[in-house]
């Protein structure tokens, strides 16, 4: 008899399922991928190039990106472009958005794979909690800046690489940057991923009838470099304990390829997936009253209630 899981624990079943893949052609499609030089983002880049897409790698370290292209993507060099952005600095994100808009007359797919986990609270130069800034604010800002170009390129797709870590929650609208509460890595990470899901529901509503679909996914329990910025003890624990239970991130790339390219996903929007299995997020991430508040707060935090480089 098949084991029955309550809805909030379905991810335990979904992680064991055979996942869907695709061979659908992406010829003529341009995909923008953040965090494209390692882990999930690198595997997504590999898969989309294999499917025939042109890929714009949004990266922090250009030297590293060039080395990866030389070592791994020689045959695809003509289909790869680079744009530099530091996701911990919203000014840098705005500059990257300007460059993308100036250089590319169409964007068919936007994938947010850049992510961070920190065991201690770190604050950016403007006072944002670092994980919240990188995982949520930067992705929100880049999406909004590119939204009109995506609409012009419709049918188009936006995919947030989220996480089952959203189930840790940690989000407090009155204390987004943990100025009043003790910070832990799980709470900080959970807060950023919860905020991202809440704002995604609002974006989905706004995109109705535009031809732009937006979804989120958990990329699987895979080995990546997320958390490598943490201290020696965490890195050793990750290397010798946690990593033993993790899979190759190639499954993440295959799943992302399916979610943005396969004909079965045409018109699918406002969904959360565990790899390629549709799943219901935690209840706290489905609160539509809170999603409206979070969206309004985020819009203000990233400066979109003002002019951004002369653009409303």
C-alpha atoms as a PDB file:
ATOM      1  CA  UNK A   1       0.000   0.000   0.000  1.00  0.00           C
ATOM      2  CA  UNK A   2       1.332   3.412  -0.995  1.00  0.00           C
ATOM      3  CA  UNK A   3       2.251   5.631   1.918  1.00  0.00           C
ATOM      4  CA  UNK A   4      -0.094   8.607   2.223  1.00  0.00           C
ATOM      5  CA  UNK A   5       1.410  11.975   3.092  1.00  0.00           C
ATOM      6  CA  UNK A   6      -0.425  15.006   4.423  1.00  0.00           C
ATOM      7  CA  UNK A   7      -0.369  17.910   1.963  1.00  0.00           C
ATOM      8  CA  UNK A   8       2.355  19.805   3.849  1.00  0.00           C
ATOM      9  CA  UNK A   9       4.666  16.775   3.642  1.00  0.00           C
ATOM     10  CA  UNK A  10       4.144  15.901  -0.015  1.00  0.00           C
ATOM     11  CA  UNK A  11       7.666  17.108  -0.757  1.00  0.00           C
ATOM     12  CA  UNK A  12       8.914  13.933   0.972  1.00  0.00           C
ATOM     13  CA  UNK A  13       7.137  11.876  -1.686  1.00  0.00           C
ATOM     14  CA  UNK A  14       7.860  14.203  -4.579  1.00  0.00           C
ATOM     15  CA  UNK A  15      11.613  14.129  -3.994  1.00  0.00           C
ATOM     16  CA  UNK A  16      11.564  10.383  -4.728  1.00  0.00           C
ATOM     17  CA  UNK A  17       9.467  10.573  -7.905  1.00  0.00           C
ATOM     18  CA  UNK A  18      10.785  10.099 -11.407  1.00  0.00           C
ATOM     19  CA  UNK A  19      11.015  13.626 -12.792  1.00  0.00           C
ATOM     20  CA  UNK A  20       9.998  14.834 -16.216  1.00  0.00           C
ATOM     21  CA  UNK A  21      12.520  15.921 -18.829  1.00  0.00           C
ATOM     22  CA  UNK A  22      12.223  17.469 -22.272  1.00  0.00           C
ATOM     23  CA  UNK A  23      13.890  17.503 -25.656  1.00  0.00           C
ATOM     24  CA  UNK A  24      11.769  20.401 -26.918  1.00  0.00           C
ATOM     25  CA  UNK A  25      13.695  22.820 -29.131  1.00  0.00           C
ATOM     26  CA  UNK A  26      14.471  26.305 -27.843  1.00  0.00           C
ATOM     27  CA  UNK A  27      15.965  27.528 -31.093  1.00  0.00           C
ATOM     28  CA  UNK A  28      15.547  31.274 -31.389  1.00  0.00           C
ATOM     29  CA  UNK A  29      14.777  31.718 -27.675  1.00  0.00           C
ATOM     30  CA  UNK A  30      16.857  33.973 -25.429  1.00  0.00           C
ATOM     31  CA  UNK A  31      17.124  32.963 -21.777  1.00  0.00           C
ATOM     32  CA  UNK A  32      18.490  35.182 -19.013  1.00  0.00           C
ATOM     33  CA  UNK A  33      19.818  33.197 -16.035  1.00  0.00           C
ATOM     34  CA  UNK A  34      21.146  34.637 -12.777  1.00  0.00           C
ATOM     35  CA  UNK A  35      23.660  32.682 -10.705  1.00  0.00           C
ATOM     36  CA  UNK A  36      24.720  30.891 -13.863  1.00  0.00           C
ATOM     37  CA  UNK A  37      28.311  29.954 -12.967  1.00  0.00           C
ATOM     38  CA  UNK A  38      27.673  27.194 -10.431  1.00  0.00           C
ATOM     39  CA  UNK A  39      25.240  24.598  -9.144  1.00  0.00           C
ATOM     40  CA  UNK A  40      21.650  24.840 -10.312  1.00  0.00           C
ATOM     41  CA  UNK A  41      22.215  27.881 -12.531  1.00  0.00           C
ATOM     42  CA  UNK A  42      25.149  26.249 -14.312  1.00  0.00           C
ATOM     43  CA  UNK A  43      23.178  23.069 -14.976  1.00  0.00           C
ATOM     44  CA  UNK A  44      20.227  25.115 -16.230  1.00  0.00           C
ATOM     45  CA  UNK A  45      22.583  26.954 -18.572  1.00  0.00           C
ATOM     46  CA  UNK A  46      23.944  23.653 -19.838  1.00  0.00           C
ATOM     47  CA  UNK A  47      20.475  22.215 -20.472  1.00  0.00           C
ATOM     48  CA  UNK A  48      19.095  25.284 -22.241  1.00  0.00           C
ATOM     49  CA  UNK A  49      22.137  25.591 -24.483  1.00  0.00           C
ATOM     50  CA  UNK A  50      21.718  21.910 -25.350  1.00  0.00           C
ATOM     51  CA  UNK A  51      18.102  22.601 -26.307  1.00  0.00           C
ATOM     52  CA  UNK A  52      19.284  25.327 -28.690  1.00  0.00           C
ATOM     53  CA  UNK A  53      18.621  28.484 -26.678  1.00  0.00           C
ATOM     54  CA  UNK A  54      20.808  31.562 -26.525  1.00  0.00           C
ATOM     55  CA  UNK A  55      21.753  32.212 -22.898  1.00  0.00           C
ATOM     56  CA  UNK A  56      22.646  35.435 -21.142  1.00  0.00           C
ATOM     57  CA  UNK A  57      24.569  34.497 -18.005  1.00  0.00           C
ATOM     58  CA  UNK A  58      24.044  37.131 -15.309  1.00  0.00           C
ATOM     59  CA  UNK A  59      27.118  36.647 -13.169  1.00  0.00           C
ATOM     60  CA  UNK A  60      29.086  38.313 -10.390  1.00  0.00           C
ATOM     61  CA  UNK A  61      32.545  37.139 -11.442  1.00  0.00           C
ATOM     62  CA  UNK A  62      33.320  37.637 -15.131  1.00  0.00           C
ATOM     63  CA  UNK A  63      36.702  35.900 -14.944  1.00  0.00           C
ATOM     64  CA  UNK A  64      35.079  32.774 -13.542  1.00  0.00           C
ATOM     65  CA  UNK A  65      32.352  32.877 -16.177  1.00  0.00           C
ATOM     66  CA  UNK A  66      34.839  33.193 -19.033  1.00  0.00           C
ATOM     67  CA  UNK A  67      36.821  30.242 -17.679  1.00  0.00           C
ATOM     68  CA  UNK A  68      33.669  28.117 -17.511  1.00  0.00           C
ATOM     69  CA  UNK A  69      32.760  29.011 -21.084  1.00  0.00           C
ATOM     70  CA  UNK A  70      36.259  28.058 -22.274  1.00  0.00           C
ATOM     71  CA  UNK A  71      36.273  24.792 -20.321  1.00  0.00           C
ATOM     72  CA  UNK A  72      32.692  23.598 -20.690  1.00  0.00           C
ATOM     73  CA  UNK A  73      30.848  25.500 -23.383  1.00  0.00           C
ATOM     74  CA  UNK A  74      33.277  25.834 -26.282  1.00  0.00           C
ATOM     75  CA  UNK A  75      30.736  24.567 -28.811  1.00  0.00           C
ATOM     76  CA  UNK A  76      28.113  27.043 -27.561  1.00  0.00           C
ATOM     77  CA  UNK A  77      30.266  30.166 -27.279  1.00  0.00           C
ATOM     78  CA  UNK A  78      28.370  32.028 -29.990  1.00  0.00           C
ATOM     79  CA  UNK A  79      25.123  31.484 -28.080  1.00  0.00           C
ATOM     80  CA  UNK A  80      26.374  32.899 -24.762  1.00  0.00           C
ATOM     81  CA  UNK A  81      26.456  36.477 -23.525  1.00  0.00           C
ATOM     82  CA  UNK A  82      27.563  37.812 -20.145  1.00  0.00           C
ATOM     83  CA  UNK A  83      26.135  40.553 -17.965  1.00  0.00           C
ATOM     84  CA  UNK A  84      27.763  41.375 -14.623  1.00  0.00           C
ATOM     85  CA  UNK A  85      25.638  42.015 -11.536  1.00  0.00           C
ATOM     86  CA  UNK A  86      26.198  41.874  -7.789  1.00  0.00           C
ATOM     87  CA  UNK A  87      22.875  40.714  -6.349  1.00  0.00           C
ATOM     88  CA  UNK A  88      23.719  42.162  -2.953  1.00  0.00           C
ATOM     89  CA  UNK A  89      23.766  45.658  -4.476  1.00  0.00           C
ATOM     90  CA  UNK A  90      20.514  46.911  -6.018  1.00  0.00           C
ATOM     91  CA  UNK A  91      22.364  49.670  -7.887  1.00  0.00           C
ATOM     92  CA  UNK A  92      24.331  46.913  -9.613  1.00  0.00           C
ATOM     93  CA  UNK A  93      21.083  45.068 -10.390  1.00  0.00           C
ATOM     94  CA  UNK A  94      19.668  48.232 -11.951  1.00  0.00           C
ATOM     95  CA  UNK A  95      22.801  48.656 -14.083  1.00  0.00           C
ATOM     96  CA  UNK A  96      22.493  45.035 -15.219  1.00  0.00           C
ATOM     97  CA  UNK A  97      18.827  45.596 -16.112  1.00  0.00           C
ATOM     98  CA  UNK A  98      19.768  48.655 -18.168  1.00  0.00           C
ATOM     99  CA  UNK A  99      22.423  46.649 -20.004  1.00  0.00           C
ATOM    100  CA  UNK A 100      20.003  43.797 -20.721  1.00  0.00           C
ATOM    101  CA  UNK A 101      17.394  46.205 -22.064  1.00  0.00           C
ATOM    102  CA  UNK A 102      19.930  48.054 -24.196  1.00  0.00           C
ATOM    103  CA  UNK A 103      21.561  44.966 -25.665  1.00  0.00           C
ATOM    104  CA  UNK A 104      18.675  42.570 -26.217  1.00  0.00           C
ATOM    105  CA  UNK A 105      15.475  43.367 -28.072  1.00  0.00           C
ATOM    106  CA  UNK A 106      13.759  40.243 -26.782  1.00  0.00           C
ATOM    107  CA  UNK A 107      13.873  38.095 -23.655  1.00  0.00           C
ATOM    108  CA  UNK A 108      11.889  34.872 -23.807  1.00  0.00           C
ATOM    109  CA  UNK A 109      12.809  33.328 -20.462  1.00  0.00           C
ATOM    110  CA  UNK A 110      14.044  34.791 -17.169  1.00  0.00           C
ATOM    111  CA  UNK A 111      15.358  32.333 -14.577  1.00  0.00           C
ATOM    112  CA  UNK A 112      16.341  33.458 -11.086  1.00  0.00           C
ATOM    113  CA  UNK A 113      18.880  30.963  -9.788  1.00  0.00           C
ATOM    114  CA  UNK A 114      21.218  33.218  -7.778  1.00  0.00           C
ATOM    115  CA  UNK A 115      20.866  32.365  -4.096  1.00  0.00           C
ATOM    116  CA  UNK A 116      22.558  32.642  -0.739  1.00  0.00           C
ATOM    117  CA  UNK A 117      22.404  30.988   2.681  1.00  0.00           C
ATOM    118  CA  UNK A 118      24.175  32.485   5.673  1.00  0.00           C
ATOM    119  CA  UNK A 119      24.472  31.134   9.205  1.00  0.00           C
ATOM    120  CA  UNK A 120      24.934  34.643  10.586  1.00  0.00           C
ATOM    121  CA  UNK A 121      23.228  37.958   9.994  1.00  0.00           C
ATOM    122  CA  UNK A 122      25.087  40.142   7.504  1.00  0.00           C
ATOM    123  CA  UNK A 123      23.883  43.576   6.462  1.00  0.00           C
ATOM    124  CA  UNK A 124      24.407  45.188   3.047  1.00  0.00           C
ATOM    125  CA  UNK A 125      25.781  48.702   2.697  1.00  0.00           C
ATOM    126  CA  UNK A 126      22.238  50.127   2.660  1.00  0.00           C
ATOM    127  CA  UNK A 127      21.014  48.092   5.635  1.00  0.00           C
ATOM    128  CA  UNK A 128      19.272  45.096   4.043  1.00  0.00           C
ATOM    129  CA  UNK A 129      19.771  41.655   5.546  1.00  0.00           C
ATOM    130  CA  UNK A 130      22.027  40.031   2.946  1.00  0.00           C
ATOM    131  CA  UNK A 131      20.134  36.784   2.277  1.00  0.00           C
ATOM    132  CA  UNK A 132      16.836  38.656   1.947  1.00  0.00           C
ATOM    133  CA  UNK A 133      18.449  41.078  -0.497  1.00  0.00           C
ATOM    134  CA  UNK A 134      20.099  38.465  -2.718  1.00  0.00           C
ATOM    135  CA  UNK A 135      17.311  35.880  -2.679  1.00  0.00           C
ATOM    136  CA  UNK A 136      14.305  38.159  -2.852  1.00  0.00           C
ATOM    137  CA  UNK A 137      14.876  41.879  -3.403  1.00  0.00           C
ATOM    138  CA  UNK A 138      17.366  41.541  -6.269  1.00  0.00           C
ATOM    139  CA  UNK A 139      15.232  38.984  -8.102  1.00  0.00           C
ATOM    140  CA  UNK A 140      12.120  41.129  -7.642  1.00  0.00           C
ATOM    141  CA  UNK A 141      13.853  44.240  -8.948  1.00  0.00           C
ATOM    142  CA  UNK A 142      15.379  42.550 -11.990  1.00  0.00           C
ATOM    143  CA  UNK A 143      12.038  40.964 -12.876  1.00  0.00           C
ATOM    144  CA  UNK A 144      10.175  44.257 -12.670  1.00  0.00           C
ATOM    145  CA  UNK A 145      12.789  46.087 -14.735  1.00  0.00           C
ATOM    146  CA  UNK A 146      12.600  43.442 -17.481  1.00  0.00           C
ATOM    147  CA  UNK A 147       8.855  42.914 -17.371  1.00  0.00           C
ATOM    148  CA  UNK A 148       7.897  45.059 -20.349  1.00  0.00           C
ATOM    149  CA  UNK A 149      10.551  43.390 -22.514  1.00  0.00           C
ATOM    150  CA  UNK A 150       9.193  39.995 -21.492  1.00  0.00           C
ATOM    151  CA  UNK A 151       5.673  41.099 -22.404  1.00  0.00           C
ATOM    152  CA  UNK A 152       6.912  42.322 -25.776  1.00  0.00           C
ATOM    153  CA  UNK A 153       8.515  38.897 -26.317  1.00  0.00           C
ATOM    154  CA  UNK A 154       5.440  36.903 -25.258  1.00  0.00           C
ATOM    155  CA  UNK A 155       4.846  34.055 -24.955  1.00  0.00           C
ATOM    156  CA  UNK A 156       7.525  34.349 -22.280  1.00  0.00           C
ATOM    157  CA  UNK A 157       8.325  32.705 -18.954  1.00  0.00           C
ATOM    158  CA  UNK A 158       9.709  33.663 -15.562  1.00  0.00           C
ATOM    159  CA  UNK A 159      10.966  30.958 -13.204  1.00  0.00           C
ATOM    160  CA  UNK A 160      12.027  31.532  -9.603  1.00  0.00           C
ATOM    161  CA  UNK A 161      14.328  28.863  -8.198  1.00  0.00           C
ATOM    162  CA  UNK A 162      12.752  28.844  -4.754  1.00  0.00           C
ATOM    163  CA  UNK A 163      13.136  26.178  -2.071  1.00  0.00           C
ATOM    164  CA  UNK A 164      11.370  23.826   0.296  1.00  0.00           C
ATOM    165  CA  UNK A 165      13.292  25.992   2.761  1.00  0.00           C
ATOM    166  CA  UNK A 166      10.344  28.406   2.536  1.00  0.00           C
ATOM    167  CA  UNK A 167       8.668  26.012   4.991  1.00  0.00           C
ATOM    168  CA  UNK A 168      10.981  27.307   7.744  1.00  0.00           C
ATOM    169  CA  UNK A 169       9.144  30.645   7.360  1.00  0.00           C
ATOM    170  CA  UNK A 170      10.967  33.287   9.464  1.00  0.00           C
ATOM    171  CA  UNK A 171       9.175  36.139   7.683  1.00  0.00           C
ATOM    172  CA  UNK A 172       8.040  39.045   9.849  1.00  0.00           C
ATOM    173  CA  UNK A 173       6.747  42.069   7.947  1.00  0.00           C
ATOM    174  CA  UNK A 174       7.629  44.333  10.866  1.00  0.00           C
ATOM    175  CA  UNK A 175      11.201  43.002  11.083  1.00  0.00           C
ATOM    176  CA  UNK A 176      12.300  41.921   7.621  1.00  0.00           C
ATOM    177  CA  UNK A 177      16.002  42.420   8.335  1.00  0.00           C
ATOM    178  CA  UNK A 178      16.156  40.743  11.759  1.00  0.00           C
ATOM    179  CA  UNK A 179      16.978  43.937  13.595  1.00  0.00           C
ATOM    180  CA  UNK A 180      14.770  42.997  16.570  1.00  0.00           C
ATOM    181  CA  UNK A 181      14.896  39.174  16.502  1.00  0.00           C
ATOM    182  CA  UNK A 182      17.644  36.560  16.834  1.00  0.00           C
ATOM    183  CA  UNK A 183      18.876  35.487  13.405  1.00  0.00           C
ATOM    184  CA  UNK A 184      19.406  31.894  12.341  1.00  0.00           C
ATOM    185  CA  UNK A 185      20.361  30.635   8.902  1.00  0.00           C
ATOM    186  CA  UNK A 186      17.162  28.638   8.479  1.00  0.00           C
ATOM    187  CA  UNK A 187      14.906  31.519   9.525  1.00  0.00           C
ATOM    188  CA  UNK A 188      16.716  34.006   7.297  1.00  0.00           C
ATOM    189  CA  UNK A 189      16.653  31.671   4.310  1.00  0.00           C
ATOM    190  CA  UNK A 190      13.030  30.715   4.945  1.00  0.00           C
ATOM    191  CA  UNK A 191      12.007  34.372   5.183  1.00  0.00           C
ATOM    192  CA  UNK A 192      13.578  35.219   1.825  1.00  0.00           C
ATOM    193  CA  UNK A 193      11.963  32.291   0.023  1.00  0.00           C
ATOM    194  CA  UNK A 194       8.580  32.911   1.640  1.00  0.00           C
ATOM    195  CA  UNK A 195       8.702  36.564   0.560  1.00  0.00           C
ATOM    196  CA  UNK A 196       9.530  35.479  -2.976  1.00  0.00           C
ATOM    197  CA  UNK A 197       6.535  33.137  -3.160  1.00  0.00           C
ATOM    198  CA  UNK A 198       4.164  35.724  -1.692  1.00  0.00           C
ATOM    199  CA  UNK A 199       5.201  38.276  -4.311  1.00  0.00           C
ATOM    200  CA  UNK A 200       4.998  35.697  -7.077  1.00  0.00           C
ATOM    201  CA  UNK A 201       1.247  35.264  -6.547  1.00  0.00           C
ATOM    202  CA  UNK A 202       0.805  39.009  -6.993  1.00  0.00           C
ATOM    203  CA  UNK A 203       2.959  38.997 -10.124  1.00  0.00           C
ATOM    204  CA  UNK A 204       0.958  36.104 -11.540  1.00  0.00           C
ATOM    205  CA  UNK A 205      -2.249  38.101 -11.099  1.00  0.00           C
ATOM    206  CA  UNK A 206      -0.740  41.163 -12.782  1.00  0.00           C
ATOM    207  CA  UNK A 207       0.478  39.081 -15.719  1.00  0.00           C
ATOM    208  CA  UNK A 208      -2.925  37.618 -16.559  1.00  0.00           C
ATOM    209  CA  UNK A 209      -3.649  37.904 -20.311  1.00  0.00           C
ATOM    210  CA  UNK A 210      -0.120  39.202 -21.101  1.00  0.00           C
ATOM    211  CA  UNK A 211       1.315  35.928 -22.412  1.00  0.00           C
ATOM    212  CA  UNK A 212       3.952  35.876 -19.658  1.00  0.00           C
ATOM    213  CA  UNK A 213       3.846  32.908 -17.261  1.00  0.00           C
ATOM    214  CA  UNK A 214       5.532  32.866 -13.862  1.00  0.00           C
ATOM    215  CA  UNK A 215       6.258  29.828 -11.694  1.00  0.00           C
ATOM    216  CA  UNK A 216       8.527  28.772  -8.842  1.00  0.00           C
ATOM    217  CA  UNK A 217      10.323  25.513  -8.164  1.00  0.00           C
ATOM    218  CA  UNK A 218      12.381  23.685  -5.579  1.00  0.00           C
ATOM    219  CA  UNK A 219      15.509  22.507  -7.450  1.00  0.00           C
ATOM    220  CA  UNK A 220      15.846  19.233  -5.557  1.00  0.00           C
ATOM    221  CA  UNK A 221      18.167  18.186  -2.763  1.00  0.00           C
ATOM    222  CA  UNK A 222      21.350  18.726  -4.730  1.00  0.00           C
ATOM    223  CA  UNK A 223      24.990  19.596  -4.154  1.00  0.00           C
ATOM    224  CA  UNK A 224      25.671  23.262  -4.810  1.00  0.00           C
ATOM    225  CA  UNK A 225      27.996  25.966  -3.490  1.00  0.00           C
ATOM    226  CA  UNK A 226      25.231  27.690  -1.553  1.00  0.00           C
ATOM    227  CA  UNK A 227      26.454  28.311   1.996  1.00  0.00           C
ATOM    228  CA  UNK A 228      30.128  28.183   0.984  1.00  0.00           C
ATOM    229  CA  UNK A 229      30.464  31.706   2.351  1.00  0.00           C
ATOM    230  CA  UNK A 230      29.840  30.401   5.872  1.00  0.00           C
ATOM    231  CA  UNK A 231      32.390  29.469   8.517  1.00  0.00           C
ATOM    232  CA  UNK A 232      34.713  26.468   8.756  1.00  0.00           C
ATOM    233  CA  UNK A 233      32.405  24.412  11.004  1.00  0.00           C
ATOM    234  CA  UNK A 234      29.429  24.769   8.641  1.00  0.00           C
ATOM    235  CA  UNK A 235      31.553  23.956   5.591  1.00  0.00           C
ATOM    236  CA  UNK A 236      32.967  20.812   7.217  1.00  0.00           C
ATOM    237  CA  UNK A 237      29.520  19.664   8.360  1.00  0.00           C
ATOM    238  CA  UNK A 238      28.175  20.252   4.866  1.00  0.00           C
ATOM    239  CA  UNK A 239      31.063  18.445   3.202  1.00  0.00           C
ATOM    240  CA  UNK A 240      31.168  15.343   5.398  1.00  0.00           C
ATOM    241  CA  UNK A 241      27.552  14.983   6.530  1.00  0.00           C
ATOM    242  CA  UNK A 242      24.925  16.877   4.514  1.00  0.00           C
ATOM    243  CA  UNK A 243      26.495  16.375   1.074  1.00  0.00           C
ATOM    244  CA  UNK A 244      26.317  12.589   1.464  1.00  0.00           C
ATOM    245  CA  UNK A 245      22.550  12.804   1.096  1.00  0.00           C
ATOM    246  CA  UNK A 246      22.510  15.210  -1.847  1.00  0.00           C
ATOM    247  CA  UNK A 247      22.191  14.484  -5.551  1.00  0.00           C
ATOM    248  CA  UNK A 248      23.945  15.798  -8.628  1.00  0.00           C
ATOM    249  CA  UNK A 249      22.478  19.194  -9.659  1.00  0.00           C
ATOM    250  CA  UNK A 250      22.075  17.884 -13.201  1.00  0.00           C
ATOM    251  CA  UNK A 251      18.550  16.876 -12.119  1.00  0.00           C
ATOM    252  CA  UNK A 252      17.856  20.551 -11.399  1.00  0.00           C
ATOM    253  CA  UNK A 253      18.966  21.595 -14.874  1.00  0.00           C
ATOM    254  CA  UNK A 254      16.830  18.906 -16.479  1.00  0.00           C
ATOM    255  CA  UNK A 255      13.818  19.990 -14.440  1.00  0.00           C
ATOM    256  CA  UNK A 256      14.297  23.671 -15.258  1.00  0.00           C
ATOM    257  CA  UNK A 257      14.547  22.764 -18.917  1.00  0.00           C
ATOM    258  CA  UNK A 258      11.214  20.965 -18.688  1.00  0.00           C
ATOM    259  CA  UNK A 259       9.503  23.811 -16.803  1.00  0.00           C
ATOM    260  CA  UNK A 260      10.504  26.511 -19.297  1.00  0.00           C
ATOM    261  CA  UNK A 261      10.603  24.578 -22.579  1.00  0.00           C
ATOM    262  CA  UNK A 262       8.251  21.631 -22.659  1.00  0.00           C
ATOM    263  CA  UNK A 263       4.947  22.059 -24.551  1.00  0.00           C
ATOM    264  CA  UNK A 264       3.096  20.616 -21.531  1.00  0.00           C
ATOM    265  CA  UNK A 265       4.061  23.760 -19.597  1.00  0.00           C
ATOM    266  CA  UNK A 266       2.599  26.151 -22.176  1.00  0.00           C
ATOM    267  CA  UNK A 267       0.266  28.564 -20.406  1.00  0.00           C
ATOM    268  CA  UNK A 268       0.960  27.107 -16.945  1.00  0.00           C
ATOM    269  CA  UNK A 269       1.407  29.941 -14.451  1.00  0.00           C
ATOM    270  CA  UNK A 270       1.175  30.709 -10.754  1.00  0.00           C
ATOM    271  CA  UNK A 271       2.369  27.242  -9.710  1.00  0.00           C
ATOM    272  CA  UNK A 272       4.979  25.828  -7.348  1.00  0.00           C
ATOM    273  CA  UNK A 273       6.908  22.698  -8.298  1.00  0.00           C
ATOM    274  CA  UNK A 274       9.187  20.290  -6.496  1.00  0.00           C
ATOM    275  CA  UNK A 275      11.500  19.723  -9.445  1.00  0.00           C
ATOM    276  CA  UNK A 276       8.763  18.910 -11.997  1.00  0.00           C
ATOM    277  CA  UNK A 277       6.028  17.761  -9.604  1.00  0.00           C
ATOM    278  CA  UNK A 278       3.372  20.371  -8.857  1.00  0.00           C
ATOM    279  CA  UNK A 279       3.084  20.913  -5.130  1.00  0.00           C
ATOM    280  CA  UNK A 280       1.233  23.060  -2.586  1.00  0.00           C
ATOM    281  CA  UNK A 281       3.520  25.442  -0.667  1.00  0.00           C
ATOM    282  CA  UNK A 282       3.268  25.914   3.098  1.00  0.00           C
ATOM    283  CA  UNK A 283       0.145  27.718   4.314  1.00  0.00           C
ATOM    284  CA  UNK A 284       2.048  30.794   5.474  1.00  0.00           C
ATOM    285  CA  UNK A 285       3.320  31.274   1.900  1.00  0.00           C
ATOM    286  CA  UNK A 286      -0.242  31.246   0.522  1.00  0.00           C
ATOM    287  CA  UNK A 287      -1.614  34.113   2.626  1.00  0.00           C
ATOM    288  CA  UNK A 288      -2.968  36.516  -0.007  1.00  0.00           C
ATOM    289  CA  UNK A 289      -3.472  39.376   2.420  1.00  0.00           C
ATOM    290  CA  UNK A 290       0.167  39.101   3.412  1.00  0.00           C
ATOM    291  CA  UNK A 291       1.200  38.732  -0.247  1.00  0.00           C
ATOM    292  CA  UNK A 292      -0.337  42.108  -1.055  1.00  0.00           C
ATOM    293  CA  UNK A 293       1.489  43.699   1.869  1.00  0.00           C
ATOM    294  CA  UNK A 294       4.780  41.992   0.982  1.00  0.00           C
ATOM    295  CA  UNK A 295       4.540  43.084  -2.640  1.00  0.00           C
ATOM    296  CA  UNK A 296       3.897  46.700  -1.665  1.00  0.00           C
ATOM    297  CA  UNK A 297       6.743  46.700   0.859  1.00  0.00           C
ATOM    298  CA  UNK A 298       9.150  45.068  -1.592  1.00  0.00           C
ATOM    299  CA  UNK A 299       8.288  47.524  -4.332  1.00  0.00           C
ATOM    300  CA  UNK A 300       9.162  50.355  -1.973  1.00  0.00           C
ATOM    301  CA  UNK A 301      12.374  48.732  -0.714  1.00  0.00           C
ATOM    302  CA  UNK A 302      13.773  48.276  -4.221  1.00  0.00           C
ATOM    303  CA  UNK A 303      12.877  51.828  -5.243  1.00  0.00           C
ATOM    304  CA  UNK A 304      10.159  51.072  -7.750  1.00  0.00           C
ATOM    305  CA  UNK A 305       7.834  53.623  -6.204  1.00  0.00           C
ATOM    306  CA  UNK A 306      10.331  56.210  -7.499  1.00  0.00           C
ATOM    307  CA  UNK A 307      11.935  56.786 -10.887  1.00  0.00           C
ATOM    308  CA  UNK A 308      14.645  54.254 -11.682  1.00  0.00           C
ATOM    309  CA  UNK A 309      17.242  55.809 -13.980  1.00  0.00           C
ATOM    310  CA  UNK A 310      14.589  57.998 -15.543  1.00  0.00           C
ATOM    311  CA  UNK A 311      12.113  55.149 -16.029  1.00  0.00           C
ATOM    312  CA  UNK A 312       8.853  55.068 -14.081  1.00  0.00           C
END
